[in-house]
């Protein structure tokens, strides 16, 4: 049973790592959308493309306001999914005043207490509370206030998805920290 739980934890970590690596490419999308918005604005071109059908997020044309909205859509995905990736790989911000002086075992205990008593409840509450935020956006047909992208619920859905992923990653970390022999040997060795 322990082996199955560890395998599930490793699978969750692999998925989160893969999502983080894919999400890192959104930085390029952000850069391109900023460049396109600046050039189009300088050329005073508001409508850049028009097509005959309604496309989710964009409607029937692509405007400068759509591209400006796309910038923060890319950024939101990078933060919500990429933040989980950073947490998984211990690249997140922490105060090392006391932590840096601890042994590996002490660090493991601090990380575990932090994960179980602070991060898990935080991720669960944020996920739960943000679902209503997304549902309300969907029910009202919320879009950009200034003629940008439509279907704002899609980008808002990254909030509960990101926190649910963070919750799963924290569970996987805690599980591996205490049940996985390799992780246990790494933290107590040297």
C-alpha atoms as a PDB file:
ATOM      1  CA  UNK A   1       0.000   0.000   0.000  1.00  0.00           C
ATOM      2  CA  UNK A   2       2.830   2.374   0.866  1.00  0.00           C
ATOM      3  CA  UNK A   3       4.443   1.700  -2.507  1.00  0.00           C
ATOM      4  CA  UNK A   4       1.209   2.592  -4.329  1.00  0.00           C
ATOM      5  CA  UNK A   5       0.875   5.844  -2.376  1.00  0.00           C
ATOM      6  CA  UNK A   6       4.484   6.777  -3.181  1.00  0.00           C
ATOM      7  CA  UNK A   7       3.905   5.970  -6.876  1.00  0.00           C
ATOM      8  CA  UNK A   8       0.838   8.218  -6.899  1.00  0.00           C
ATOM      9  CA  UNK A   9       2.837  10.984  -5.198  1.00  0.00           C
ATOM     10  CA  UNK A  10       5.614  10.664  -7.783  1.00  0.00           C
ATOM     11  CA  UNK A  11       3.027  10.731 -10.595  1.00  0.00           C
ATOM     12  CA  UNK A  12       1.502  13.949  -9.218  1.00  0.00           C
ATOM     13  CA  UNK A  13       4.965  15.506  -9.011  1.00  0.00           C
ATOM     14  CA  UNK A  14       5.760  14.460 -12.604  1.00  0.00           C
ATOM     15  CA  UNK A  15       2.513  15.992 -13.875  1.00  0.00           C
ATOM     16  CA  UNK A  16       3.134  19.225 -11.933  1.00  0.00           C
ATOM     17  CA  UNK A  17       6.714  19.399 -13.190  1.00  0.00           C
ATOM     18  CA  UNK A  18       5.566  18.858 -16.792  1.00  0.00           C
ATOM     19  CA  UNK A  19       2.861  21.535 -16.436  1.00  0.00           C
ATOM     20  CA  UNK A  20       5.450  23.921 -15.000  1.00  0.00           C
ATOM     21  CA  UNK A  21       7.819  23.314 -17.897  1.00  0.00           C
ATOM     22  CA  UNK A  22       5.030  23.854 -20.442  1.00  0.00           C
ATOM     23  CA  UNK A  23       3.880  26.970 -18.602  1.00  0.00           C
ATOM     24  CA  UNK A  24       7.381  28.447 -18.696  1.00  0.00           C
ATOM     25  CA  UNK A  25       6.882  28.910 -22.445  1.00  0.00           C
ATOM     26  CA  UNK A  26       4.065  31.344 -21.664  1.00  0.00           C
ATOM     27  CA  UNK A  27       6.796  33.905 -20.957  1.00  0.00           C
ATOM     28  CA  UNK A  28       7.480  33.912 -24.691  1.00  0.00           C
ATOM     29  CA  UNK A  29       3.753  34.391 -25.358  1.00  0.00           C
ATOM     30  CA  UNK A  30       3.744  37.319 -22.950  1.00  0.00           C
ATOM     31  CA  UNK A  31       6.732  38.871 -24.694  1.00  0.00           C
ATOM     32  CA  UNK A  32       5.181  38.450 -28.152  1.00  0.00           C
ATOM     33  CA  UNK A  33       1.808  39.836 -27.061  1.00  0.00           C
ATOM     34  CA  UNK A  34       3.490  42.911 -25.534  1.00  0.00           C
ATOM     35  CA  UNK A  35       5.472  43.446 -28.739  1.00  0.00           C
ATOM     36  CA  UNK A  36       2.369  43.082 -30.938  1.00  0.00           C
ATOM     37  CA  UNK A  37       0.345  45.445 -28.719  1.00  0.00           C
ATOM     38  CA  UNK A  38       3.065  48.106 -28.768  1.00  0.00           C
ATOM     39  CA  UNK A  39       3.580  47.910 -32.536  1.00  0.00           C
ATOM     40  CA  UNK A  40      -0.170  47.870 -33.276  1.00  0.00           C
ATOM     41  CA  UNK A  41      -0.752  50.824 -30.948  1.00  0.00           C
ATOM     42  CA  UNK A  42       2.079  52.781 -32.573  1.00  0.00           C
ATOM     43  CA  UNK A  43       0.519  52.086 -35.976  1.00  0.00           C
ATOM     44  CA  UNK A  44      -2.903  53.079 -34.598  1.00  0.00           C
ATOM     45  CA  UNK A  45      -4.323  49.744 -35.728  1.00  0.00           C
ATOM     46  CA  UNK A  46      -7.115  48.699 -33.390  1.00  0.00           C
ATOM     47  CA  UNK A  47      -8.580  45.735 -35.295  1.00  0.00           C
ATOM     48  CA  UNK A  48      -5.752  43.480 -36.460  1.00  0.00           C
ATOM     49  CA  UNK A  49      -7.657  40.436 -37.759  1.00  0.00           C
ATOM     50  CA  UNK A  50     -11.280  39.681 -38.561  1.00  0.00           C
ATOM     51  CA  UNK A  51     -12.876  36.293 -39.138  1.00  0.00           C
ATOM     52  CA  UNK A  52     -16.464  35.328 -39.826  1.00  0.00           C
ATOM     53  CA  UNK A  53     -17.162  33.117 -36.814  1.00  0.00           C
ATOM     54  CA  UNK A  54     -17.221  33.564 -33.055  1.00  0.00           C
ATOM     55  CA  UNK A  55     -14.083  32.163 -31.404  1.00  0.00           C
ATOM     56  CA  UNK A  56     -13.984  31.670 -27.603  1.00  0.00           C
ATOM     57  CA  UNK A  57     -12.093  34.478 -25.837  1.00  0.00           C
ATOM     58  CA  UNK A  58     -11.789  36.672 -28.944  1.00  0.00           C
ATOM     59  CA  UNK A  59     -15.232  36.854 -30.543  1.00  0.00           C
ATOM     60  CA  UNK A  60     -15.189  37.662 -34.263  1.00  0.00           C
ATOM     61  CA  UNK A  61     -12.000  39.726 -34.437  1.00  0.00           C
ATOM     62  CA  UNK A  62      -8.606  40.329 -32.830  1.00  0.00           C
ATOM     63  CA  UNK A  63      -8.060  43.827 -31.445  1.00  0.00           C
ATOM     64  CA  UNK A  64      -5.243  45.569 -29.604  1.00  0.00           C
ATOM     65  CA  UNK A  65      -7.326  45.288 -26.421  1.00  0.00           C
ATOM     66  CA  UNK A  66      -7.517  41.510 -26.943  1.00  0.00           C
ATOM     67  CA  UNK A  67      -3.732  41.334 -27.204  1.00  0.00           C
ATOM     68  CA  UNK A  68      -3.303  43.484 -24.088  1.00  0.00           C
ATOM     69  CA  UNK A  69      -5.670  41.152 -22.210  1.00  0.00           C
ATOM     70  CA  UNK A  70      -3.727  38.182 -23.558  1.00  0.00           C
ATOM     71  CA  UNK A  71      -0.585  39.546 -21.840  1.00  0.00           C
ATOM     72  CA  UNK A  72      -2.024  39.178 -18.376  1.00  0.00           C
ATOM     73  CA  UNK A  73      -3.741  35.906 -19.295  1.00  0.00           C
ATOM     74  CA  UNK A  74      -0.331  34.433 -20.088  1.00  0.00           C
ATOM     75  CA  UNK A  75       1.094  35.947 -16.909  1.00  0.00           C
ATOM     76  CA  UNK A  76      -1.757  34.584 -14.759  1.00  0.00           C
ATOM     77  CA  UNK A  77      -1.179  31.052 -16.033  1.00  0.00           C
ATOM     78  CA  UNK A  78       2.567  31.407 -15.396  1.00  0.00           C
ATOM     79  CA  UNK A  79       1.943  32.525 -11.809  1.00  0.00           C
ATOM     80  CA  UNK A  80      -0.747  29.993 -10.909  1.00  0.00           C
ATOM     81  CA  UNK A  81       0.817  26.927 -12.533  1.00  0.00           C
ATOM     82  CA  UNK A  82       4.466  28.008 -12.513  1.00  0.00           C
ATOM     83  CA  UNK A  83       4.223  28.904  -8.830  1.00  0.00           C
ATOM     84  CA  UNK A  84       3.327  25.304  -8.062  1.00  0.00           C
ATOM     85  CA  UNK A  85       6.320  24.154 -10.097  1.00  0.00           C
ATOM     86  CA  UNK A  86       8.588  26.488  -8.103  1.00  0.00           C
ATOM     87  CA  UNK A  87       7.156  25.178  -4.832  1.00  0.00           C
ATOM     88  CA  UNK A  88       7.657  21.588  -5.962  1.00  0.00           C
ATOM     89  CA  UNK A  89      11.344  22.188  -6.697  1.00  0.00           C
ATOM     90  CA  UNK A  90      11.938  24.256  -3.515  1.00  0.00           C
ATOM     91  CA  UNK A  91      12.590  27.414  -5.528  1.00  0.00           C
ATOM     92  CA  UNK A  92       9.968  29.447  -3.731  1.00  0.00           C
ATOM     93  CA  UNK A  93      10.701  32.404  -1.469  1.00  0.00           C
ATOM     94  CA  UNK A  94      11.319  31.618   2.182  1.00  0.00           C
ATOM     95  CA  UNK A  95      12.970  33.305   5.111  1.00  0.00           C
ATOM     96  CA  UNK A  96      16.226  31.465   5.745  1.00  0.00           C
ATOM     97  CA  UNK A  97      17.177  33.202   8.992  1.00  0.00           C
ATOM     98  CA  UNK A  98      16.630  30.081  11.121  1.00  0.00           C
ATOM     99  CA  UNK A  99      16.058  27.517   8.378  1.00  0.00           C
ATOM    100  CA  UNK A 100      19.549  27.807   6.862  1.00  0.00           C
ATOM    101  CA  UNK A 101      21.194  26.794  10.140  1.00  0.00           C
ATOM    102  CA  UNK A 102      19.180  23.608  10.567  1.00  0.00           C
ATOM    103  CA  UNK A 103      20.261  20.076   9.736  1.00  0.00           C
ATOM    104  CA  UNK A 104      18.620  18.269   6.812  1.00  0.00           C
ATOM    105  CA  UNK A 105      16.365  16.465   9.242  1.00  0.00           C
ATOM    106  CA  UNK A 106      15.388  19.745  10.935  1.00  0.00           C
ATOM    107  CA  UNK A 107      14.644  21.294   7.543  1.00  0.00           C
ATOM    108  CA  UNK A 108      12.506  18.285   6.663  1.00  0.00           C
ATOM    109  CA  UNK A 109      10.469  18.740   9.840  1.00  0.00           C
ATOM    110  CA  UNK A 110      10.053  22.493   9.324  1.00  0.00           C
ATOM    111  CA  UNK A 111       9.001  21.900   5.703  1.00  0.00           C
ATOM    112  CA  UNK A 112       6.554  19.200   6.774  1.00  0.00           C
ATOM    113  CA  UNK A 113       4.976  21.301   9.527  1.00  0.00           C
ATOM    114  CA  UNK A 114       4.724  24.247   7.137  1.00  0.00           C
ATOM    115  CA  UNK A 115       3.154  22.075   4.444  1.00  0.00           C
ATOM    116  CA  UNK A 116       0.627  20.371   6.734  1.00  0.00           C
ATOM    117  CA  UNK A 117      -0.416  23.262   8.983  1.00  0.00           C
ATOM    118  CA  UNK A 118      -0.030  26.295   6.707  1.00  0.00           C
ATOM    119  CA  UNK A 119       0.165  25.442   3.019  1.00  0.00           C
ATOM    120  CA  UNK A 120      -2.415  22.620   2.789  1.00  0.00           C
ATOM    121  CA  UNK A 121      -5.162  24.608   4.558  1.00  0.00           C
ATOM    122  CA  UNK A 122      -4.268  27.749   2.581  1.00  0.00           C
ATOM    123  CA  UNK A 123      -4.407  25.943  -0.776  1.00  0.00           C
ATOM    124  CA  UNK A 124      -7.681  24.209   0.154  1.00  0.00           C
ATOM    125  CA  UNK A 125      -9.386  27.424   1.300  1.00  0.00           C
ATOM    126  CA  UNK A 126      -8.191  29.399  -1.742  1.00  0.00           C
ATOM    127  CA  UNK A 127      -9.353  26.662  -4.097  1.00  0.00           C
ATOM    128  CA  UNK A 128     -12.752  26.451  -2.415  1.00  0.00           C
ATOM    129  CA  UNK A 129     -13.336  30.214  -2.270  1.00  0.00           C
ATOM    130  CA  UNK A 130     -12.208  30.854  -5.839  1.00  0.00           C
ATOM    131  CA  UNK A 131     -14.691  28.398  -7.364  1.00  0.00           C
ATOM    132  CA  UNK A 132     -17.572  30.800  -6.641  1.00  0.00           C
ATOM    133  CA  UNK A 133     -15.554  33.578  -8.246  1.00  0.00           C
ATOM    134  CA  UNK A 134     -15.293  31.537 -11.470  1.00  0.00           C
ATOM    135  CA  UNK A 135     -18.939  30.424 -11.414  1.00  0.00           C
ATOM    136  CA  UNK A 136     -20.127  34.013 -10.951  1.00  0.00           C
ATOM    137  CA  UNK A 137     -17.972  35.126 -13.875  1.00  0.00           C
ATOM    138  CA  UNK A 138     -19.407  32.358 -16.063  1.00  0.00           C
ATOM    139  CA  UNK A 139     -23.029  33.009 -15.053  1.00  0.00           C
ATOM    140  CA  UNK A 140     -22.791  36.741 -15.752  1.00  0.00           C
ATOM    141  CA  UNK A 141     -20.937  36.298 -19.062  1.00  0.00           C
ATOM    142  CA  UNK A 142     -18.150  38.529 -17.779  1.00  0.00           C
ATOM    143  CA  UNK A 143     -15.696  39.845 -20.340  1.00  0.00           C
ATOM    144  CA  UNK A 144     -13.213  42.664 -20.600  1.00  0.00           C
ATOM    145  CA  UNK A 145     -14.463  46.061 -19.422  1.00  0.00           C
ATOM    146  CA  UNK A 146     -12.869  47.907 -22.331  1.00  0.00           C
ATOM    147  CA  UNK A 147     -13.611  45.719 -25.343  1.00  0.00           C
ATOM    148  CA  UNK A 148     -10.874  43.139 -24.909  1.00  0.00           C
ATOM    149  CA  UNK A 149     -11.210  39.394 -24.535  1.00  0.00           C
ATOM    150  CA  UNK A 150     -14.482  37.628 -23.799  1.00  0.00           C
ATOM    151  CA  UNK A 151     -15.134  34.672 -21.482  1.00  0.00           C
ATOM    152  CA  UNK A 152     -13.218  35.945 -18.474  1.00  0.00           C
ATOM    153  CA  UNK A 153     -14.253  32.833 -16.517  1.00  0.00           C
ATOM    154  CA  UNK A 154     -11.625  30.856 -18.461  1.00  0.00           C
ATOM    155  CA  UNK A 155      -8.714  32.842 -17.067  1.00  0.00           C
ATOM    156  CA  UNK A 156     -10.318  33.036 -13.626  1.00  0.00           C
ATOM    157  CA  UNK A 157     -10.513  29.240 -13.621  1.00  0.00           C
ATOM    158  CA  UNK A 158      -6.717  29.142 -13.351  1.00  0.00           C
ATOM    159  CA  UNK A 159      -7.106  30.242  -9.722  1.00  0.00           C
ATOM    160  CA  UNK A 160      -8.893  27.121  -8.404  1.00  0.00           C
ATOM    161  CA  UNK A 161      -6.936  24.917 -10.821  1.00  0.00           C
ATOM    162  CA  UNK A 162      -3.626  26.373  -9.636  1.00  0.00           C
ATOM    163  CA  UNK A 163      -4.518  26.017  -5.958  1.00  0.00           C
ATOM    164  CA  UNK A 164      -5.843  22.473  -6.485  1.00  0.00           C
ATOM    165  CA  UNK A 165      -2.564  21.592  -8.181  1.00  0.00           C
ATOM    166  CA  UNK A 166      -0.648  23.207  -5.317  1.00  0.00           C
ATOM    167  CA  UNK A 167      -2.717  21.178  -2.828  1.00  0.00           C
ATOM    168  CA  UNK A 168      -1.895  17.936  -4.666  1.00  0.00           C
ATOM    169  CA  UNK A 169       1.802  18.833  -4.895  1.00  0.00           C
ATOM    170  CA  UNK A 170       1.945  19.557  -1.163  1.00  0.00           C
ATOM    171  CA  UNK A 171       0.269  16.223  -0.401  1.00  0.00           C
ATOM    172  CA  UNK A 172       2.747  14.486  -2.696  1.00  0.00           C
ATOM    173  CA  UNK A 173       5.708  16.227  -1.041  1.00  0.00           C
ATOM    174  CA  UNK A 174       4.574  15.325   2.464  1.00  0.00           C
ATOM    175  CA  UNK A 175       3.859  11.754   1.389  1.00  0.00           C
ATOM    176  CA  UNK A 176       7.223  11.324  -0.268  1.00  0.00           C
ATOM    177  CA  UNK A 177       8.995  12.998   2.625  1.00  0.00           C
ATOM    178  CA  UNK A 178       7.754  10.367   5.071  1.00  0.00           C
ATOM    179  CA  UNK A 179       7.029   7.261   3.006  1.00  0.00           C
ATOM    180  CA  UNK A 180       9.523   7.261   0.157  1.00  0.00           C
ATOM    181  CA  UNK A 181      12.760   5.512   1.128  1.00  0.00           C
ATOM    182  CA  UNK A 182      14.804   7.473  -1.438  1.00  0.00           C
ATOM    183  CA  UNK A 183      13.538  10.833  -0.182  1.00  0.00           C
ATOM    184  CA  UNK A 184      14.095   9.735   3.416  1.00  0.00           C
ATOM    185  CA  UNK A 185      17.700   8.692   2.738  1.00  0.00           C
ATOM    186  CA  UNK A 186      18.390  11.922   0.818  1.00  0.00           C
ATOM    187  CA  UNK A 187      17.148  14.078   3.683  1.00  0.00           C
ATOM    188  CA  UNK A 188      19.024  12.214   6.403  1.00  0.00           C
ATOM    189  CA  UNK A 189      22.218  11.478   4.474  1.00  0.00           C
ATOM    190  CA  UNK A 190      25.420  13.565   4.614  1.00  0.00           C
END
